[in-house]
Amino acid sequence: MTGATRAYLDHNATTPVRPDVAQAMACALMLPGNPSSVHHEGRAARAALEQARAQVAALVGAKAANVVFTSGGTEANATVLSPGLMDCSGGRDCVRTPASLLLHGATEHACIRDGHRFPTSAAEAIPVDADGLVDKDWLAGRLERLAAEQPGARALVSLHLANNETGVLQPIAGIAAIAKHFGALMHCDAVQAAGKIAIDINMLGVDVLTLSAHKLAGPKGIGAIVFRTGALELADKPIRGGGQERGWRAGTENVAGIVGFGAAAEIAARAIETEADRLSTLRDRLEARLLALAPDTVIFGRSAPRLPNTSAFATPGIRAETALIMLDLNGVALSSGSACSSGKVKRSHVLDAMGVDPAMSAGALRASLGWTTCEAQIDQFLAAYAKALVATKGREVQAAA
């Protein structure tokens, strides 16, 4: 569809940069100074960086001093999910017990399941139910068993706030309370949720959460670690050097990327309630008309709380790779799940963990909406999907369409 209007419905993979964000980044690129320099030019770059730090902190109800910038969500997660992460909130008198066991959700992103630095023998998956919600009783039982078998040992629990494929929201505050009861540390991957729903790190009760700018209309290649109290420590930080970012992440800061992150965070924070309502209305319209078009379509996680912008679904008899090609040829960009396996369409580990039949998960698609999405794009997707149904399922669907 060269030259034709396309419908981009893959915002969970990456959200197009807002014009105001691009403009802020262009201005930052013209700052000549290194933010670590003490002269006027360096101080100007530092001021821009610290303003962005405050903007990102405000998005999740944190203190600016507790924000550490990284190259993205993957690096942020890999840094935090390390053996030896310690809570030093007791100051000089604290018992520095490092985390020795990682418990992560079975439906986590690959950068959690495969990107942590714990040995395989020290990492376990928390099972989920048919909607993708973690089994809190299993978690409590596992932490209780750890306390009985290894008195004084500490676990690190890691869960995403929102699943990137289904949009299902985990009850993080309740899970964090369980973790705290057993003395475990709690990490929340908020990459997919930030900018889409309101987040307050203090209300969630987690020790640390992680973010990525390009999921909320900021630039690619910049993320953040956000601490609730600033009391966590890690002896073996993966990137050491000049001591930037409180020593958590050495290297001259990506000032333009950080400024773009800050601008995107501020815009998202201002519009979060109205945009969530708008996107949920569009998503509900998509799902209602999709079910009218193909009543045997299954929407995954529909009975659980979800992000307002995400719909994961499958229609029996439609394979994901076939549908994606046909949709793309008709000007519609969707995904079969995570974008981190670009060029490959494989069965979703998320749906496997939820117990979805392999034949159904082979056809799973994800529509994820964002600030560029409008009703006309929803209609364009529905028309394109109807064509795909006709081509693969024949006259019966054609009559229904």
Protein backbone atom coordinates (compact mmCIF):
# COMPACT_ATOMS: atom_id res chain seq x y z
CA MET A 1 0.00 0.00 0.00
CA THR A 2 2.68 2.47 -1.01
CA GLY A 3 1.41 6.03 -0.59
CA ALA A 4 -1.80 4.92 1.12
CA THR A 5 -2.75 5.66 4.71
CA ARG A 6 -1.68 2.89 7.05
CA ALA A 7 -3.14 1.88 10.40
CA TYR A 8 -0.37 1.37 12.94
CA LEU A 9 -1.81 -0.81 15.73
CA ASP A 10 1.42 -2.05 17.29
CA HIS A 11 2.05 0.52 20.02
CA ASN A 12 3.09 -2.11 22.57
CA ALA A 13 6.07 -2.88 20.34
CA THR A 14 6.96 0.78 20.11
CA THR A 15 4.93 3.97 20.13
CA PRO A 16 5.68 6.66 17.52
CA VAL A 17 7.54 9.63 18.98
CA ARG A 18 5.37 12.66 19.62
CA PRO A 19 6.36 15.83 17.71
CA ASP A 20 6.90 17.77 20.95
CA VAL A 21 9.26 15.04 22.15
CA ALA A 22 11.26 15.14 18.92
CA GLN A 23 11.51 18.93 19.20
CA ALA A 24 12.77 18.71 22.79
CA MET A 25 15.37 16.17 21.71
CA ALA A 26 16.52 18.36 18.82
CA CYS A 27 17.13 21.20 21.24
CA ALA A 28 19.04 18.88 23.59
CA LEU A 29 21.24 17.67 20.74
CA MET A 30 22.49 21.24 20.34
CA LEU A 31 23.73 21.43 23.94
CA PRO A 32 27.53 21.23 23.61
CA GLY A 33 28.47 20.38 27.17
CA ASN A 34 29.07 17.12 29.02
CA PRO A 35 26.70 17.01 32.03
CA SER A 36 29.63 16.02 34.24
CA SER A 37 31.58 19.18 33.39
CA VAL A 38 31.55 22.13 35.80
CA HIS A 39 31.62 24.94 33.23
CA HIS A 40 28.56 26.80 31.93
CA GLU A 41 27.98 24.40 29.02
CA GLY A 42 28.22 21.39 31.27
CA ARG A 43 25.83 22.90 33.80
CA ALA A 44 23.29 23.57 31.03
CA ALA A 45 23.40 19.93 29.95
CA ARG A 46 23.12 18.84 33.59
CA ALA A 47 20.08 21.09 34.12
CA ALA A 48 18.31 19.55 31.11
CA LEU A 49 19.12 16.07 32.36
CA GLU A 50 17.88 16.75 35.89
CA GLN A 51 14.66 18.34 34.63
CA ALA A 52 13.98 15.14 32.70
CA ARG A 53 14.79 13.06 35.77
CA ALA A 54 12.12 14.96 37.70
CA GLN A 55 9.60 14.48 34.87
CA VAL A 56 10.16 10.72 34.76
CA ALA A 57 9.97 10.48 38.55
CA ALA A 58 6.67 12.38 38.59
CA LEU A 59 5.13 9.89 36.15
CA VAL A 60 5.42 7.12 38.76
CA GLY A 61 5.18 9.12 42.01
CA ALA A 62 8.86 8.78 42.85
CA LYS A 63 11.60 11.13 44.01
CA ALA A 64 13.87 12.43 41.27
CA ALA A 65 16.95 11.38 43.23
CA ASN A 66 15.77 7.76 42.97
CA VAL A 67 15.75 7.63 39.15
CA VAL A 68 18.70 6.04 37.32
CA PHE A 69 18.82 6.22 33.53
CA THR A 70 19.86 3.22 31.42
CA SER A 71 19.94 2.32 27.72
CA GLY A 72 16.45 0.83 27.93
CA GLY A 73 14.11 -1.48 29.79
CA THR A 74 16.21 -4.57 29.10
CA GLU A 75 19.33 -3.09 30.66
CA ALA A 76 17.30 -1.74 33.57
CA ASN A 77 15.87 -5.20 34.27
CA ALA A 78 19.19 -7.00 33.84
CA THR A 79 20.84 -4.60 36.27
CA VAL A 80 18.23 -5.01 38.99
CA LEU A 81 17.73 -8.76 38.61
CA SER A 82 21.12 -9.62 39.97
CA PRO A 83 22.28 -11.86 42.81
CA GLY A 84 23.52 -9.65 45.61
CA LEU A 85 20.81 -7.00 45.41
CA MET A 86 20.46 -5.75 48.99
CA ASP A 87 18.13 -3.57 51.05
CA CYS A 88 20.22 -1.17 53.12
CA SER A 89 17.37 0.88 54.56
CA GLY A 90 18.73 0.25 58.04
CA GLY A 91 21.80 2.36 57.32
CA ARG A 92 25.09 1.27 58.86
CA ASP A 93 23.24 -1.16 61.15
CA CYS A 94 21.31 -2.92 58.38
CA VAL A 95 21.70 -6.63 57.80
CA ARG A 96 22.97 -6.75 54.22
CA THR A 97 21.35 -10.00 53.11
CA PRO A 98 21.72 -10.34 49.34
CA ALA A 99 18.98 -11.90 47.23
CA SER A 100 19.84 -15.50 46.40
CA LEU A 101 16.60 -16.69 44.73
CA LEU A 102 14.67 -15.08 41.87
CA LEU A 103 10.94 -15.76 41.58
CA HIS A 104 9.47 -14.34 38.37
CA GLY A 105 6.10 -14.68 36.70
CA ALA A 106 5.71 -17.38 34.06
CA THR A 107 4.42 -14.80 31.57
CA GLU A 108 7.23 -12.27 31.96
CA HIS A 109 9.01 -10.65 29.03
CA ALA A 110 12.10 -12.46 27.75
CA CYS A 111 14.38 -9.86 29.33
CA ILE A 112 13.08 -11.03 32.72
CA ARG A 113 12.90 -14.79 32.05
CA ASP A 114 16.19 -14.97 30.15
CA GLY A 115 17.92 -11.66 30.88
CA HIS A 116 18.49 -11.91 34.63
CA ARG A 117 21.91 -12.64 36.13
CA PHE A 118 20.85 -15.39 38.54
CA PRO A 119 22.07 -18.93 37.83
CA THR A 120 19.41 -21.20 36.35
CA SER A 121 19.23 -23.18 39.58
CA ALA A 122 18.32 -20.02 41.50
CA ALA A 123 15.44 -18.83 39.31
CA GLU A 124 11.88 -20.18 39.37
CA ALA A 125 8.69 -19.26 37.52
CA ILE A 126 5.52 -18.39 39.41
CA PRO A 127 2.56 -20.13 37.71
CA VAL A 128 -0.44 -18.20 36.39
CA ASP A 129 -4.13 -18.96 35.90
CA ALA A 130 -6.11 -19.03 32.66
CA ASP A 131 -6.23 -15.21 32.59
CA GLY A 132 -2.50 -14.87 33.18
CA LEU A 133 -2.79 -13.73 36.80
CA VAL A 134 -0.07 -15.08 39.08
CA ASP A 135 -0.87 -17.67 41.74
CA LYS A 136 -0.45 -15.73 44.98
CA ASP A 137 -0.91 -18.84 47.10
CA TRP A 138 1.93 -20.55 45.25
CA LEU A 139 4.16 -17.54 45.83
CA ALA A 140 3.35 -17.36 49.53
CA GLY A 141 3.98 -21.07 49.89
CA ARG A 142 7.32 -20.88 48.08
CA LEU A 143 8.51 -17.96 50.22
CA GLU A 144 7.38 -19.75 53.36
CA ARG A 145 9.30 -22.86 52.30
CA LEU A 146 12.42 -20.79 51.61
CA ALA A 147 12.24 -19.32 55.11
CA ALA A 148 11.91 -22.79 56.65
CA GLU A 149 14.62 -24.44 54.57
CA GLN A 150 17.11 -21.56 54.48
CA PRO A 151 16.58 -19.28 57.49
CA GLY A 152 17.79 -15.77 56.72
CA ALA A 153 17.79 -16.27 52.94
CA ARG A 154 16.20 -13.56 50.84
CA ALA A 155 14.24 -13.86 47.60
CA LEU A 156 13.73 -11.29 44.85
CA VAL A 157 10.23 -11.35 43.33
CA SER A 158 9.88 -9.88 39.83
CA LEU A 159 6.55 -9.31 38.09
CA HIS A 160 5.40 -7.03 35.32
CA LEU A 161 2.56 -4.65 36.03
CA ALA A 162 1.07 -5.23 32.57
CA ASN A 163 1.68 -8.11 30.20
CA ASN A 164 3.03 -6.94 26.86
CA GLU A 165 1.00 -9.49 24.86
CA THR A 166 -2.39 -9.62 26.58
CA GLY A 167 -2.38 -6.35 28.53
CA VAL A 168 -3.44 -8.23 31.69
CA LEU A 169 -2.65 -6.27 34.86
CA GLN A 170 -1.15 -8.02 37.87
CA PRO A 171 -2.34 -7.10 41.42
CA ILE A 172 1.12 -5.80 42.26
CA ALA A 173 0.28 -4.11 45.57
CA GLY A 174 -1.11 -7.34 47.02
CA ILE A 175 1.81 -9.36 45.74
CA ALA A 176 4.29 -6.83 47.13
CA ALA A 177 2.61 -7.20 50.53
CA ILE A 178 3.18 -10.97 50.39
CA ALA A 179 6.82 -10.44 49.44
CA LYS A 180 7.33 -7.94 52.27
CA HIS A 181 5.75 -10.31 54.80
CA PHE A 182 8.43 -12.88 54.02
CA GLY A 183 11.27 -10.36 53.78
CA ALA A 184 11.61 -10.62 50.01
CA LEU A 185 12.57 -7.76 47.72
CA MET A 186 10.03 -6.78 45.06
CA HIS A 187 10.74 -5.59 41.51
CA CYS A 188 8.05 -4.48 39.06
CA ASP A 189 8.61 -4.24 35.32
CA ALA A 190 6.33 -1.30 34.52
CA VAL A 191 7.59 -0.86 30.96
CA GLN A 192 4.31 -1.71 29.26
CA ALA A 193 2.06 0.05 31.79
CA ALA A 194 3.77 3.41 32.20
CA GLY A 195 1.98 6.19 30.38
CA LYS A 196 -1.10 4.03 29.84
CA ILE A 197 -2.39 3.79 33.41
CA ALA A 198 -1.66 5.81 36.56
CA ILE A 199 1.28 4.43 38.55
CA ASP A 200 2.45 5.34 42.05
CA ILE A 201 5.49 3.41 43.25
CA ASN A 202 4.57 4.05 46.88
CA MET A 203 1.04 2.69 46.48
CA LEU A 204 2.39 -0.36 44.64
CA GLY A 205 4.75 -0.96 47.54
CA VAL A 206 7.55 -2.33 45.36
CA ASP A 207 11.22 -1.71 46.09
CA VAL A 208 12.11 -0.89 42.51
CA LEU A 209 10.43 -0.60 39.12
CA THR A 210 11.77 -0.29 35.59
CA LEU A 211 10.67 1.83 32.61
CA SER A 212 11.35 2.35 28.90
CA ALA A 213 10.76 5.58 26.98
CA HIS A 214 9.77 4.16 23.61
CA LYS A 215 6.63 2.53 25.00
CA LEU A 216 5.15 5.95 25.87
CA ALA A 217 5.96 7.99 22.74
CA GLY A 218 9.55 8.70 23.73
CA PRO A 219 12.75 7.71 21.92
CA LYS A 220 14.15 4.21 21.62
CA GLY A 221 17.32 3.40 23.53
CA ILE A 222 16.59 5.02 26.89
CA GLY A 223 15.09 3.51 30.04
CA ALA A 224 15.16 3.93 33.78
CA ILE A 225 15.45 2.17 37.10
CA VAL A 226 13.26 3.81 39.74
CA PHE A 227 13.81 3.04 43.43
CA ARG A 228 11.11 3.61 46.02
CA THR A 229 13.47 4.66 48.81
CA GLY A 230 16.93 4.70 47.30
CA ALA A 231 18.07 2.16 49.88
CA LEU A 232 18.89 -0.72 47.53
CA GLU A 233 22.51 -1.57 46.83
CA LEU A 234 24.30 -3.87 44.42
CA ALA A 235 27.97 -4.63 44.87
CA ASP A 236 28.61 -5.91 41.34
CA LYS A 237 27.09 -3.31 39.05
CA PRO A 238 27.34 -4.39 35.41
CA ILE A 239 28.59 -1.09 33.92
CA ARG A 240 31.31 0.54 35.99
CA GLY A 241 33.40 3.57 35.16
CA GLY A 242 33.05 7.28 35.84
CA GLY A 243 30.40 7.03 38.52
CA GLN A 244 27.50 8.58 36.60
CA GLU A 245 23.93 7.86 37.69
CA ARG A 246 24.90 7.38 41.34
CA GLY A 247 27.32 4.66 40.28
CA TRP A 248 24.53 2.39 39.05
CA ARG A 249 25.24 3.00 35.37
CA ALA A 250 28.55 4.51 34.32
CA GLY A 251 29.11 6.34 31.05
CA THR A 252 28.31 9.81 29.72
CA GLU A 253 24.56 10.20 29.80
CA ASN A 254 22.47 10.16 26.62
CA VAL A 255 21.23 13.70 27.21
CA ALA A 256 19.00 13.93 24.12
CA GLY A 257 17.39 10.56 24.84
CA ILE A 258 16.87 11.44 28.49
CA VAL A 259 15.33 14.80 27.60
CA GLY A 260 13.00 13.02 25.18
CA PHE A 261 12.07 10.54 27.89
CA GLY A 262 11.26 13.39 30.26
CA ALA A 263 9.13 15.22 27.70
CA ALA A 264 7.21 12.04 26.84
CA ALA A 265 6.65 11.28 30.54
CA GLU A 266 5.27 14.75 31.22
CA ILE A 267 2.90 14.61 28.24
CA ALA A 268 1.70 11.14 29.23
CA ALA A 269 1.13 12.19 32.83
CA ARG A 270 -1.02 15.15 31.79
CA ALA A 271 -3.24 13.10 29.49
CA ILE A 272 -3.31 9.75 31.26
CA GLU A 273 -6.97 9.69 32.36
CA THR A 274 -8.53 11.10 29.19
CA GLU A 275 -6.28 9.01 26.95
CA ALA A 276 -7.05 5.82 28.87
CA ASP A 277 -10.78 6.44 28.42
CA ARG A 278 -10.36 7.18 24.72
CA LEU A 279 -8.26 4.09 24.07
CA SER A 280 -10.49 1.74 26.05
CA THR A 281 -13.47 2.96 24.00
CA LEU A 282 -11.58 2.23 20.78
CA ARG A 283 -10.44 -1.17 22.04
CA ASP A 284 -13.98 -2.14 23.08
CA ARG A 285 -15.25 -1.06 19.67
CA LEU A 286 -12.61 -3.23 18.00
CA GLU A 287 -13.43 -6.27 20.12
CA ALA A 288 -17.22 -5.95 19.80
CA ARG A 289 -17.08 -5.70 16.03
CA LEU A 290 -14.45 -8.43 15.82
CA LEU A 291 -16.73 -10.81 17.71
CA ALA A 292 -19.66 -9.84 15.51
CA LEU A 293 -17.52 -10.60 12.46
CA ALA A 294 -16.17 -13.90 13.80
CA PRO A 295 -18.10 -15.07 16.89
CA ASP A 296 -15.68 -17.95 17.52
CA THR A 297 -12.83 -15.48 18.14
CA VAL A 298 -11.26 -15.76 21.59
CA ILE A 299 -9.98 -12.64 23.37
CA PHE A 300 -7.26 -13.61 25.81
CA GLY A 301 -7.41 -12.28 29.37
CA ARG A 302 -10.70 -10.54 28.71
CA SER A 303 -12.14 -11.35 32.14
CA ALA A 304 -9.12 -9.89 33.97
CA PRO A 305 -8.16 -6.23 34.42
CA ARG A 306 -6.27 -5.12 31.31
CA LEU A 307 -4.50 -2.14 29.84
CA PRO A 308 -6.98 0.12 28.05
CA ASN A 309 -5.10 -0.13 24.75
CA THR A 310 -4.43 -3.85 24.31
CA SER A 311 -6.39 -6.69 22.73
CA ALA A 312 -4.91 -10.16 22.15
CA PHE A 313 -7.13 -12.53 20.19
CA ALA A 314 -7.29 -15.52 17.89
CA THR A 315 -9.86 -16.92 15.47
CA PRO A 316 -9.83 -20.71 14.92
CA GLY A 317 -8.46 -21.62 11.51
CA ILE A 318 -6.42 -18.41 11.10
CA ARG A 319 -2.65 -18.68 11.52
CA ALA A 320 -0.83 -15.63 12.83
CA GLU A 321 1.82 -15.44 10.10
CA THR A 322 -0.81 -15.61 7.35
CA ALA A 323 -2.98 -12.97 8.99
CA LEU A 324 -0.06 -10.62 9.63
CA ILE A 325 1.02 -10.72 5.98
CA MET A 326 -2.51 -10.13 4.70
CA LEU A 327 -3.10 -7.31 7.17
CA ASP A 328 0.19 -5.67 6.24
CA LEU A 329 -0.65 -5.85 2.54
CA ASN A 330 -3.92 -4.09 3.37
CA GLY A 331 -2.14 -1.32 5.27
CA VAL A 332 -2.53 -2.55 8.85
CA ALA A 333 0.36 -3.18 11.26
CA LEU A 334 -0.34 -5.65 14.06
CA SER A 335 1.84 -8.07 16.01
CA SER A 336 1.71 -11.71 17.01
CA GLY A 337 3.06 -10.82 20.45
CA SER A 338 6.41 -9.51 21.62
CA ALA A 339 8.41 -7.51 19.09
CA CYS A 340 11.69 -8.82 20.46
CA SER A 341 11.61 -11.85 18.16
CA SER A 342 11.33 -9.70 15.06
CA GLY A 343 10.96 -11.68 11.87
CA LYS A 344 9.82 -14.79 13.69
CA VAL A 345 6.28 -15.88 14.51
CA LYS A 346 6.33 -18.55 17.18
CA ARG A 347 3.89 -19.79 19.75
CA SER A 348 3.55 -17.47 22.71
CA HIS A 349 5.05 -18.55 26.04
CA VAL A 350 2.47 -16.26 27.63
CA LEU A 351 -0.44 -18.21 26.17
CA ASP A 352 1.30 -21.50 26.93
CA ALA A 353 1.55 -20.49 30.60
CA MET A 354 -2.15 -19.58 30.54
CA GLY A 355 -3.00 -23.06 29.26
CA VAL A 356 -4.24 -21.95 25.83
CA ASP A 357 -4.55 -24.76 23.29
CA PRO A 358 -1.54 -24.73 20.93
CA ALA A 359 -3.80 -24.73 17.88
CA MET A 360 -5.46 -21.55 19.14
CA SER A 361 -2.26 -19.81 20.23
CA ALA A 362 -0.79 -20.39 16.76
CA GLY A 363 -3.27 -17.80 15.50
CA ALA A 364 -2.81 -15.25 18.28
CA LEU A 365 -2.61 -11.61 17.23
CA ARG A 366 -2.21 -8.43 19.28
CA ALA A 367 -3.72 -5.05 18.48
CA SER A 368 -2.24 -2.31 20.65
CA LEU A 369 -3.46 1.24 20.34
CA GLY A 370 -1.86 4.58 21.10
CA TRP A 371 -1.91 8.32 20.63
CA THR A 372 -2.06 8.08 16.82
CA THR A 373 -5.00 5.64 16.82
CA CYS A 374 -8.44 6.80 15.63
CA GLU A 375 -11.76 5.19 14.72
CA ALA A 376 -10.89 5.13 11.03
CA GLN A 377 -7.87 2.92 11.79
CA ILE A 378 -10.02 0.52 13.79
CA ASP A 379 -12.40 0.29 10.85
CA GLN A 380 -9.46 -0.23 8.48
CA PHE A 381 -8.24 -3.13 10.60
CA LEU A 382 -11.69 -4.73 10.72
CA ALA A 383 -12.08 -4.49 6.95
CA ALA A 384 -8.63 -6.02 6.44
CA TYR A 385 -9.29 -8.80 8.94
CA ALA A 386 -12.60 -9.58 7.23
CA LYS A 387 -10.65 -10.06 3.99
CA ALA A 388 -8.27 -12.41 5.77
CA LEU A 389 -11.18 -14.40 7.14
CA VAL A 390 -12.77 -14.65 3.70
CA ALA A 391 -9.52 -15.77 2.10
CA THR A 392 -8.86 -18.48 4.69
CA LYS A 393 -12.33 -19.56 5.79
CA GLY A 394 -14.45 -19.06 2.66
CA ARG A 395 -18.01 -18.10 1.92
CA GLU A 396 -19.42 -18.68 5.40
CA VAL A 397 -17.40 -15.79 6.80
CA GLN A 398 -17.92 -13.71 3.67
CA ALA A 399 -21.67 -13.85 4.25
CA ALA A 400 -21.22 -12.86 7.91
CA ALA A 401 -18.99 -9.94 6.92
